[in-house]
PDB file of all heavy atoms in Angstrom:
ATOM      1  N   LEU A   1       0.829  -1.202   0.000  1.00  0.00           N
ATOM      2  CA  LEU A   1       0.000   0.000   0.000  1.00  0.00           C
ATOM      3  C   LEU A   1       0.866   1.255   0.000  1.00  0.00           C
ATOM      4  O   LEU A   1       0.549   2.238  -0.677  1.00  0.00           O
ATOM      5  CB  LEU A   1      -0.936  -0.009   1.209  1.00  0.00           C
ATOM      6  CG  LEU A   1      -1.897   1.175   1.348  1.00  0.00           C
ATOM      7  CD1 LEU A   1      -2.828   1.279   0.145  1.00  0.00           C
ATOM      8  CD2 LEU A   1      -2.717   1.077   2.633  1.00  0.00           C
ATOM      9  N   MET A   2       1.955   1.221   0.754  1.00  0.00           N
ATOM     10  CA  MET A   2       2.879   2.354   0.763  1.00  0.00           C
ATOM     11  C   MET A   2       3.372   2.671  -0.643  1.00  0.00           C
ATOM     12  O   MET A   2       3.453   3.827  -1.057  1.00  0.00           O
ATOM     13  CB  MET A   2       4.065   2.048   1.678  1.00  0.00           C
ATOM     14  CG  MET A   2       5.146   3.129   1.671  1.00  0.00           C
ATOM     15  SD  MET A   2       6.781   2.556   1.829  1.00  0.00           S
ATOM     16  CE  MET A   2       7.131   1.437   0.582  1.00  0.00           C
ATOM     17  N   CYS A   3       3.706   1.620  -1.404  1.00  0.00           N
ATOM     18  CA  CYS A   3       4.239   1.818  -2.742  1.00  0.00           C
ATOM     19  C   CYS A   3       3.246   2.535  -3.662  1.00  0.00           C
ATOM     20  O   CYS A   3       3.655   3.249  -4.580  1.00  0.00           O
ATOM     21  CB  CYS A   3       4.643   0.479  -3.347  1.00  0.00           C
ATOM     22  SG  CYS A   3       6.102  -0.273  -2.566  1.00  0.00           S
ATOM     23  N   VAL A   4       1.961   2.341  -3.431  1.00  0.00           N
ATOM     24  CA  VAL A   4       0.952   3.032  -4.234  1.00  0.00           C
ATOM     25  C   VAL A   4       1.181   4.535  -4.171  1.00  0.00           C
ATOM     26  O   VAL A   4       1.285   5.224  -5.198  1.00  0.00           O
ATOM     27  CB  VAL A   4      -0.471   2.684  -3.752  1.00  0.00           C
ATOM     28  CG1 VAL A   4      -1.499   3.595  -4.434  1.00  0.00           C
ATOM     29  CG2 VAL A   4      -0.787   1.221  -4.027  1.00  0.00           C
ATOM     30  N   PHE A   5       1.269   5.086  -2.951  1.00  0.00           N
ATOM     31  CA  PHE A   5       1.387   6.529  -2.784  1.00  0.00           C
ATOM     32  C   PHE A   5       2.794   7.032  -3.097  1.00  0.00           C
ATOM     33  O   PHE A   5       2.959   8.143  -3.601  1.00  0.00           O
ATOM     34  CB  PHE A   5       0.962   6.913  -1.362  1.00  0.00           C
ATOM     35  CG  PHE A   5      -0.422   6.448  -1.029  1.00  0.00           C
ATOM     36  CD1 PHE A   5      -0.637   5.426  -0.116  1.00  0.00           C
ATOM     37  CD2 PHE A   5      -1.520   7.002  -1.651  1.00  0.00           C
ATOM     38  CE1 PHE A   5      -1.905   4.979   0.179  1.00  0.00           C
ATOM     39  CE2 PHE A   5      -2.806   6.562  -1.364  1.00  0.00           C
ATOM     40  CZ  PHE A   5      -2.991   5.545  -0.448  1.00  0.00           C
ATOM     41  N   PHE A   6       3.804   6.205  -2.854  1.00  0.00           N
ATOM     42  CA  PHE A   6       5.172   6.603  -3.158  1.00  0.00           C
ATOM     43  C   PHE A   6       5.473   6.548  -4.650  1.00  0.00           C
ATOM     44  O   PHE A   6       6.516   7.032  -5.079  1.00  0.00           O
ATOM     45  CB  PHE A   6       6.161   5.721  -2.387  1.00  0.00           C
ATOM     46  CG  PHE A   6       6.424   6.191  -0.981  1.00  0.00           C
ATOM     47  CD1 PHE A   6       5.422   6.184  -0.034  1.00  0.00           C
ATOM     48  CD2 PHE A   6       7.664   6.649  -0.599  1.00  0.00           C
ATOM     49  CE1 PHE A   6       5.662   6.607   1.268  1.00  0.00           C
ATOM     50  CE2 PHE A   6       7.913   7.082   0.689  1.00  0.00           C
ATOM     51  CZ  PHE A   6       6.908   7.063   1.633  1.00  0.00           C
ATOM     52  N   CYS A   7       4.588   5.959  -5.425  1.00  0.00           N
ATOM     53  CA  CYS A   7       4.750   5.939  -6.877  1.00  0.00           C
ATOM     54  C   CYS A   7       3.725   6.820  -7.587  1.00  0.00           C
ATOM     55  O   CYS A   7       3.557   6.721  -8.810  1.00  0.00           O
ATOM     56  CB  CYS A   7       4.669   4.510  -7.401  1.00  0.00           C
ATOM     57  SG  CYS A   7       6.065   3.449  -6.937  1.00  0.00           S
ATOM     58  N   GLY A   8       3.019   7.654  -6.825  1.00  0.00           N
ATOM     59  CA  GLY A   8       2.094   8.604  -7.429  1.00  0.00           C
ATOM     60  C   GLY A   8       0.679   8.119  -7.603  1.00  0.00           C
ATOM     61  O   GLY A   8      -0.128   8.800  -8.242  1.00  0.00           O
ATOM     62  N   GLY A   9       0.344   6.932  -7.046  1.00  0.00           N
ATOM     63  CA  GLY A   9      -1.013   6.423  -7.149  1.00  0.00           C
ATOM     64  C   GLY A   9      -1.966   7.149  -6.213  1.00  0.00           C
ATOM     65  O   GLY A   9      -1.553   7.908  -5.336  1.00  0.00           O
ATOM     66  N   SER A  10      -3.254   6.895  -6.377  1.00  0.00           N
ATOM     67  CA  SER A  10      -4.251   7.582  -5.564  1.00  0.00           C
ATOM     68  C   SER A  10      -5.251   6.642  -4.910  1.00  0.00           C
ATOM     69  O   SER A  10      -6.038   7.068  -4.081  1.00  0.00           O
ATOM     70  CB  SER A  10      -5.020   8.600  -6.416  1.00  0.00           C
ATOM     71  OG  SER A  10      -5.666   7.950  -7.516  1.00  0.00           O
ATOM     72  N   CYS A  11      -5.239   5.355  -5.290  1.00  0.00           N
ATOM     73  CA  CYS A  11      -6.177   4.403  -4.704  1.00  0.00           C
ATOM     74  C   CYS A  11      -5.544   3.018  -4.673  1.00  0.00           C
ATOM     75  O   CYS A  11      -4.555   2.749  -5.356  1.00  0.00           O
ATOM     76  CB  CYS A  11      -7.495   4.376  -5.486  1.00  0.00           C
ATOM     77  SG  CYS A  11      -7.330   3.851  -7.202  1.00  0.00           S
ATOM     78  N   VAL A  12      -6.138   2.140  -3.877  1.00  0.00           N
ATOM     79  CA  VAL A  12      -5.588   0.799  -3.670  1.00  0.00           C
ATOM     80  C   VAL A  12      -5.440   0.058  -4.995  1.00  0.00           C
ATOM     81  O   VAL A  12      -4.448  -0.650  -5.236  1.00  0.00           O
ATOM     82  CB  VAL A  12      -6.475   0.001  -2.694  1.00  0.00           C
ATOM     83  CG1 VAL A  12      -5.972  -1.433  -2.563  1.00  0.00           C
ATOM     84  CG2 VAL A  12      -6.525   0.681  -1.330  1.00  0.00           C
ATOM     85  N   GLU A  13      -6.419   0.198  -5.887  1.00  0.00           N
ATOM     86  CA  GLU A  13      -6.419  -0.560  -7.150  1.00  0.00           C
ATOM     87  C   GLU A  13      -5.211  -0.261  -8.031  1.00  0.00           C
ATOM     88  O   GLU A  13      -4.853  -1.069  -8.897  1.00  0.00           O
ATOM     89  CB  GLU A  13      -7.707  -0.276  -7.933  1.00  0.00           C
ATOM     90  CG  GLU A  13      -8.964  -0.928  -7.355  1.00  0.00           C
ATOM     91  CD  GLU A  13      -9.474  -0.249  -6.092  1.00  0.00           C
ATOM     92  OE1 GLU A  13      -9.043   0.903  -5.825  1.00  0.00           O
ATOM     93  OE2 GLU A  13     -10.286  -0.870  -5.367  1.00  0.00           O
ATOM     94  N   ASP A  14      -4.554   0.879  -7.807  1.00  0.00           N
ATOM     95  CA  ASP A  14      -3.406   1.234  -8.646  1.00  0.00           C
ATOM     96  C   ASP A  14      -2.272   0.221  -8.551  1.00  0.00           C
ATOM     97  O   ASP A  14      -1.494   0.067  -9.483  1.00  0.00           O
ATOM     98  CB  ASP A  14      -2.888   2.620  -8.267  1.00  0.00           C
ATOM     99  CG  ASP A  14      -3.791   3.742  -8.759  1.00  0.00           C
ATOM    100  OD1 ASP A  14      -4.576   3.499  -9.701  1.00  0.00           O
ATOM    101  OD2 ASP A  14      -3.731   4.856  -8.197  1.00  0.00           O
ATOM    102  N   VAL A  15      -2.169  -0.476  -7.414  1.00  0.00           N
ATOM    103  CA  VAL A  15      -1.077  -1.435  -7.258  1.00  0.00           C
ATOM    104  C   VAL A  15      -1.215  -2.588  -8.238  1.00  0.00           C
ATOM    105  O   VAL A  15      -0.216  -3.111  -8.746  1.00  0.00           O
ATOM    106  CB  VAL A  15      -0.989  -1.961  -5.800  1.00  0.00           C
ATOM    107  CG1 VAL A  15      -2.129  -2.910  -5.475  1.00  0.00           C
ATOM    108  CG2 VAL A  15       0.350  -2.643  -5.552  1.00  0.00           C
ATOM    109  N   SER A  16      -2.430  -2.987  -8.551  1.00  0.00           N
ATOM    110  CA  SER A  16      -2.657  -4.077  -9.500  1.00  0.00           C
ATOM    111  C   SER A  16      -2.687  -3.595 -10.941  1.00  0.00           C
ATOM    112  O   SER A  16      -2.120  -4.226 -11.835  1.00  0.00           O
ATOM    113  CB  SER A  16      -3.967  -4.801  -9.170  1.00  0.00           C
ATOM    114  OG  SER A  16      -3.884  -5.492  -7.938  1.00  0.00           O
ATOM    115  N   THR A  17      -3.341  -2.473 -11.172  1.00  0.00           N
ATOM    116  CA  THR A  17      -3.557  -2.025 -12.550  1.00  0.00           C
ATOM    117  C   THR A  17      -2.337  -1.345 -13.162  1.00  0.00           C
ATOM    118  O   THR A  17      -2.144  -1.390 -14.378  1.00  0.00           O
ATOM    119  CB  THR A  17      -4.760  -1.062 -12.615  1.00  0.00           C
ATOM    120  OG1 THR A  17      -4.546   0.024 -11.717  1.00  0.00           O
ATOM    121  CG2 THR A  17      -6.049  -1.780 -12.239  1.00  0.00           C
ATOM    122  N   HIS A  18      -1.494  -0.693 -12.358  1.00  0.00           N
ATOM    123  CA  HIS A  18      -0.396   0.104 -12.911  1.00  0.00           C
ATOM    124  C   HIS A  18       0.993  -0.251 -12.397  1.00  0.00           C
ATOM    125  O   HIS A  18       1.980  -0.066 -13.112  1.00  0.00           O
ATOM    126  CB  HIS A  18      -0.642   1.590 -12.635  1.00  0.00           C
ATOM    127  CG  HIS A  18      -1.933   2.112 -13.179  1.00  0.00           C
ATOM    128  ND1 HIS A  18      -2.267   2.035 -14.515  1.00  0.00           N
ATOM    129  CD2 HIS A  18      -2.982   2.708 -12.573  1.00  0.00           C
ATOM    130  CE1 HIS A  18      -3.471   2.565 -14.714  1.00  0.00           C
ATOM    131  NE2 HIS A  18      -3.924   2.974 -13.548  1.00  0.00           N
ATOM    132  N   LEU A  19       1.111  -0.753 -11.185  1.00  0.00           N
ATOM    133  CA  LEU A  19       2.411  -0.809 -10.529  1.00  0.00           C
ATOM    134  C   LEU A  19       2.995  -2.197 -10.339  1.00  0.00           C
ATOM    135  O   LEU A  19       4.196  -2.330 -10.094  1.00  0.00           O
ATOM    136  CB  LEU A  19       2.326  -0.115  -9.147  1.00  0.00           C
ATOM    137  CG  LEU A  19       1.946   1.367  -9.167  1.00  0.00           C
ATOM    138  CD1 LEU A  19       1.706   1.863  -7.740  1.00  0.00           C
ATOM    139  CD2 LEU A  19       3.038   2.181  -9.839  1.00  0.00           C
ATOM    140  N   MET A  20       2.190  -3.233 -10.417  1.00  0.00           N
ATOM    141  CA  MET A  20       2.651  -4.566 -10.039  1.00  0.00           C
ATOM    142  C   MET A  20       3.904  -5.002 -10.815  1.00  0.00           C
ATOM    143  O   MET A  20       4.860  -5.527 -10.248  1.00  0.00           O
ATOM    144  CB  MET A  20       1.533  -5.587 -10.224  1.00  0.00           C
ATOM    145  CG  MET A  20       1.919  -7.002  -9.781  1.00  0.00           C
ATOM    146  SD  MET A  20       2.302  -7.094  -8.012  1.00  0.00           S
ATOM    147  CE  MET A  20       0.649  -6.998  -7.325  1.00  0.00           C
ATOM    148  N   ARG A  21       3.908  -4.809 -12.134  1.00  0.00           N
ATOM    149  CA  ARG A  21       5.049  -5.295 -12.924  1.00  0.00           C
ATOM    150  C   ARG A  21       6.338  -4.557 -12.584  1.00  0.00           C
ATOM    151  O   ARG A  21       7.432  -5.095 -12.751  1.00  0.00           O
ATOM    152  CB  ARG A  21       4.746  -5.193 -14.416  1.00  0.00           C
ATOM    153  CG  ARG A  21       4.629  -3.788 -14.979  1.00  0.00           C
ATOM    154  CD  ARG A  21       4.213  -3.831 -16.425  1.00  0.00           C
ATOM    155  NE  ARG A  21       4.150  -2.509 -17.047  1.00  0.00           N
ATOM    156  CZ  ARG A  21       5.155  -1.958 -17.709  1.00  0.00           C
ATOM    157  NH1 ARG A  21       6.301  -2.628 -17.843  1.00  0.00           N
ATOM    158  NH2 ARG A  21       5.029  -0.756 -18.251  1.00  0.00           N
ATOM    159  N   HIS A  22       6.225  -3.322 -12.082  1.00  0.00           N
ATOM    160  CA  HIS A  22       7.408  -2.568 -11.684  1.00  0.00           C
ATOM    161  C   HIS A  22       7.884  -2.976 -10.290  1.00  0.00           C
ATOM    162  O   HIS A  22       9.070  -3.235 -10.071  1.00  0.00           O
ATOM    163  CB  HIS A  22       7.121  -1.065 -11.712  1.00  0.00           C
ATOM    164  CG  HIS A  22       6.680  -0.559 -13.043  1.00  0.00           C
ATOM    165  ND1 HIS A  22       7.539  -0.472 -14.120  1.00  0.00           N
ATOM    166  CD2 HIS A  22       5.470  -0.116 -13.481  1.00  0.00           C
ATOM    167  CE1 HIS A  22       6.875   0.001 -15.168  1.00  0.00           C
ATOM    168  NE2 HIS A  22       5.615   0.232 -14.801  1.00  0.00           N
ATOM    169  N   LEU A  23       6.971  -3.077  -9.346  1.00  0.00           N
ATOM    170  CA  LEU A  23       7.337  -3.420  -7.976  1.00  0.00           C
ATOM    171  C   LEU A  23       7.829  -4.854  -7.860  1.00  0.00           C
ATOM    172  O   LEU A  23       8.678  -5.165  -7.021  1.00  0.00           O
ATOM    173  CB  LEU A  23       6.136  -3.195  -7.048  1.00  0.00           C
ATOM    174  CG  LEU A  23       5.571  -1.767  -7.010  1.00  0.00           C
ATOM    175  CD1 LEU A  23       4.318  -1.716  -6.139  1.00  0.00           C
ATOM    176  CD2 LEU A  23       6.607  -0.774  -6.517  1.00  0.00           C
ATOM    177  N   SER A  24       7.311  -5.729  -8.721  1.00  0.00           N
ATOM    178  CA  SER A  24       7.702  -7.139  -8.681  1.00  0.00           C
ATOM    179  C   SER A  24       9.126  -7.363  -9.172  1.00  0.00           C
ATOM    180  O   SER A  24       9.653  -8.482  -9.067  1.00  0.00           O
ATOM    181  CB  SER A  24       6.726  -7.989  -9.505  1.00  0.00           C
ATOM    182  OG  SER A  24       5.422  -7.914  -8.981  1.00  0.00           O
ATOM    183  N   CYS A  25       9.756  -6.336  -9.704  1.00  0.00           N
ATOM    184  CA  CYS A  25      11.138  -6.467 -10.154  1.00  0.00           C
ATOM    185  C   CYS A  25      12.104  -6.686  -8.991  1.00  0.00           C
ATOM    186  O   CYS A  25      13.202  -7.224  -9.197  1.00  0.00           O
ATOM    187  CB  CYS A  25      11.565  -5.222 -10.933  1.00  0.00           C
ATOM    188  SG  CYS A  25      10.737  -5.009 -12.520  1.00  0.00           S
ATOM    189  N   HIS A  26      11.720  -6.247  -7.794  1.00  0.00           N
ATOM    190  CA  HIS A  26      12.618  -6.435  -6.658  1.00  0.00           C
ATOM    191  C   HIS A  26      12.866  -7.925  -6.440  1.00  0.00           C
ATOM    192  O   HIS A  26      11.919  -8.713  -6.402  1.00  0.00           O
ATOM    193  CB  HIS A  26      12.043  -5.805  -5.391  1.00  0.00           C
ATOM    194  CG  HIS A  26      13.073  -5.606  -4.318  1.00  0.00           C
ATOM    195  ND1 HIS A  26      13.594  -6.667  -3.596  1.00  0.00           N
ATOM    196  CD2 HIS A  26      13.686  -4.487  -3.846  1.00  0.00           C
ATOM    197  CE1 HIS A  26      14.491  -6.207  -2.730  1.00  0.00           C
ATOM    198  NE2 HIS A  26      14.564  -4.885  -2.864  1.00  0.00           N
ATOM    199  N   PRO A  27      14.117  -8.315  -6.319  1.00  0.00           N
ATOM    200  CA  PRO A  27      14.417  -9.755  -6.261  1.00  0.00           C
ATOM    201  C   PRO A  27      13.983 -10.460  -4.986  1.00  0.00           C
ATOM    202  O   PRO A  27      13.883 -11.695  -4.971  1.00  0.00           O
ATOM    203  CB  PRO A  27      15.947  -9.794  -6.391  1.00  0.00           C
ATOM    204  CG  PRO A  27      16.410  -8.451  -5.921  1.00  0.00           C
ATOM    205  CD  PRO A  27      15.336  -7.484  -6.333  1.00  0.00           C
ATOM    206  N   LYS A  28      13.731  -9.730  -3.924  1.00  0.00           N
ATOM    207  CA  LYS A  28      13.394 -10.385  -2.658  1.00  0.00           C
ATOM    208  C   LYS A  28      12.046  -9.961  -2.077  1.00  0.00           C
ATOM    209  O   LYS A  28      11.317 -10.787  -1.538  1.00  0.00           O
ATOM    210  CB  LYS A  28      14.495 -10.104  -1.629  1.00  0.00           C
ATOM    211  CG  LYS A  28      15.747 -10.928  -1.829  1.00  0.00           C
ATOM    212  CD  LYS A  28      16.644 -10.871  -0.627  1.00  0.00           C
ATOM    213  CE  LYS A  28      17.784 -11.859  -0.738  1.00  0.00           C
ATOM    214  NZ  LYS A  28      18.664 -11.865   0.449  1.00  0.00           N
ATOM    215  N   LEU A  29      11.731  -8.694  -2.145  1.00  0.00           N
ATOM    216  CA  LEU A  29      10.530  -8.175  -1.488  1.00  0.00           C
ATOM    217  C   LEU A  29       9.302  -8.361  -2.364  1.00  0.00           C
ATOM    218  O   LEU A  29       9.282  -7.959  -3.526  1.00  0.00           O
ATOM    219  CB  LEU A  29      10.712  -6.696  -1.131  1.00  0.00           C
ATOM    220  CG  LEU A  29      11.907  -6.388  -0.209  1.00  0.00           C
ATOM    221  CD1 LEU A  29      11.986  -4.901   0.066  1.00  0.00           C
ATOM    222  CD2 LEU A  29      11.810  -7.177   1.084  1.00  0.00           C
ATOM    223  N   ARG A  30       8.272  -8.967  -1.795  1.00  0.00           N
ATOM    224  CA  ARG A  30       7.057  -9.283  -2.541  1.00  0.00           C
ATOM    225  C   ARG A  30       6.040  -8.150  -2.454  1.00  0.00           C
ATOM    226  O   ARG A  30       5.949  -7.451  -1.447  1.00  0.00           O
ATOM    227  CB  ARG A  30       6.432 -10.569  -2.009  1.00  0.00           C
ATOM    228  CG  ARG A  30       7.345 -11.793  -2.043  1.00  0.00           C
ATOM    229  CD  ARG A  30       6.583 -13.043  -1.643  1.00  0.00           C
ATOM    230  NE  ARG A  30       5.992 -12.934  -0.311  1.00  0.00           N
ATOM    231  CZ  ARG A  30       5.136 -13.821   0.203  1.00  0.00           C
ATOM    232  NH1 ARG A  30       4.747 -14.858  -0.523  1.00  0.00           N
ATOM    233  NH2 ARG A  30       4.661 -13.658   1.434  1.00  0.00           N
ATOM    234  N   THR A  31       5.270  -8.019  -3.510  1.00  0.00           N
ATOM    235  CA  THR A  31       4.178  -7.048  -3.559  1.00  0.00           C
ATOM    236  C   THR A  31       2.877  -7.794  -3.799  1.00  0.00           C
ATOM    237  O   THR A  31       2.797  -8.642  -4.699  1.00  0.00           O
ATOM    238  CB  THR A  31       4.404  -6.006  -4.672  1.00  0.00           C
ATOM    239  OG1 THR A  31       5.627  -5.298  -4.416  1.00  0.00           O
ATOM    240  CG2 THR A  31       3.244  -5.020  -4.735  1.00  0.00           C
ATOM    241  N   CYS A  32       1.868  -7.478  -3.016  1.00  0.00           N
ATOM    242  CA  CYS A  32       0.590  -8.177  -3.142  1.00  0.00           C
ATOM    243  C   CYS A  32      -0.393  -7.363  -3.982  1.00  0.00           C
ATOM    244  O   CYS A  32      -0.176  -6.189  -4.281  1.00  0.00           O
ATOM    245  CB  CYS A  32      -0.006  -8.460  -1.765  1.00  0.00           C
ATOM    246  SG  CYS A  32      -0.487  -6.986  -0.837  1.00  0.00           S
ATOM    247  N   SER A  33      -1.485  -7.986  -4.351  1.00  0.00           N
ATOM    248  CA  SER A  33      -2.493  -7.354  -5.196  1.00  0.00           C
ATOM    249  C   SER A  33      -3.409  -6.450  -4.376  1.00  0.00           C
ATOM    250  O   SER A  33      -3.429  -6.487  -3.145  1.00  0.00           O
ATOM    251  CB  SER A  33      -3.333  -8.419  -5.891  1.00  0.00           C
ATOM    252  OG  SER A  33      -4.130  -9.118  -4.929  1.00  0.00           O
ATOM    253  N   ALA A  34      -4.201  -5.652  -5.085  1.00  0.00           N
ATOM    254  CA  ALA A  34      -5.194  -4.795  -4.438  1.00  0.00           C
ATOM    255  C   ALA A  34      -6.210  -5.620  -3.665  1.00  0.00           C
ATOM    256  O   ALA A  34      -6.636  -5.241  -2.573  1.00  0.00           O
ATOM    257  CB  ALA A  34      -5.882  -3.924  -5.481  1.00  0.00           C
ATOM    258  N   ASP A  35      -6.619  -6.752  -4.213  1.00  0.00           N
ATOM    259  CA  ASP A  35      -7.593  -7.608  -3.529  1.00  0.00           C
ATOM    260  C   ASP A  35      -7.067  -8.089  -2.185  1.00  0.00           C
ATOM    261  O   ASP A  35      -7.812  -8.149  -1.196  1.00  0.00           O
ATOM    262  CB  ASP A  35      -7.955  -8.806  -4.408  1.00  0.00           C
ATOM    263  CG  ASP A  35      -8.809  -8.424  -5.601  1.00  0.00           C
ATOM    264  OD1 ASP A  35      -9.420  -7.336  -5.573  1.00  0.00           O
ATOM    265  OD2 ASP A  35      -8.872  -9.215  -6.566  1.00  0.00           O
ATOM    266  N   THR A  36      -5.786  -8.429  -2.115  1.00  0.00           N
ATOM    267  CA  THR A  36      -5.198  -8.872  -0.854  1.00  0.00           C
ATOM    268  C   THR A  36      -5.177  -7.733   0.163  1.00  0.00           C
ATOM    269  O   THR A  36      -5.463  -7.938   1.345  1.00  0.00           O
ATOM    270  CB  THR A  36      -3.767  -9.399  -1.090  1.00  0.00           C
ATOM    271  OG1 THR A  36      -3.806 -10.469  -2.027  1.00  0.00           O
ATOM    272  CG2 THR A  36      -3.152  -9.894   0.213  1.00  0.00           C
ATOM    273  N   ILE A  37      -4.840  -6.536  -0.284  1.00  0.00           N
ATOM    274  CA  ILE A  37      -4.847  -5.373   0.613  1.00  0.00           C
ATOM    275  C   ILE A  37      -6.246  -5.143   1.175  1.00  0.00           C
ATOM    276  O   ILE A  37      -6.426  -4.927   2.377  1.00  0.00           O
ATOM    277  CB  ILE A  37      -4.349  -4.113  -0.117  1.00  0.00           C
ATOM    278  CG1 ILE A  37      -2.885  -4.278  -0.531  1.00  0.00           C
ATOM    279  CG2 ILE A  37      -4.511  -2.877   0.760  1.00  0.00           C
ATOM    280  CD1 ILE A  37      -2.364  -3.149  -1.404  1.00  0.00           C
ATOM    281  N   LEU A  38      -7.249  -5.212   0.325  1.00  0.00           N
ATOM    282  CA  LEU A  38      -8.627  -4.972   0.752  1.00  0.00           C
ATOM    283  C   LEU A  38      -9.103  -6.060   1.725  1.00  0.00           C
ATOM    284  O   LEU A  38      -9.831  -5.762   2.676  1.00  0.00           O
ATOM    285  CB  LEU A  38      -9.547  -4.888  -0.463  1.00  0.00           C
ATOM    286  CG  LEU A  38      -9.296  -3.681  -1.389  1.00  0.00           C
ATOM    287  CD1 LEU A  38     -10.117  -3.798  -2.670  1.00  0.00           C
ATOM    288  CD2 LEU A  38      -9.632  -2.380  -0.673  1.00  0.00           C
TER     289      LEU A  38
END
């Protein structure tokens, strides 16, 4: 959820629709979907 706002997003859904492929590049730290956050 933090990554949403630190990447310029405005709502929870942005993590799935816009950011997942970028955040998932980190080799160790996992990013979950908007549904999991909700």
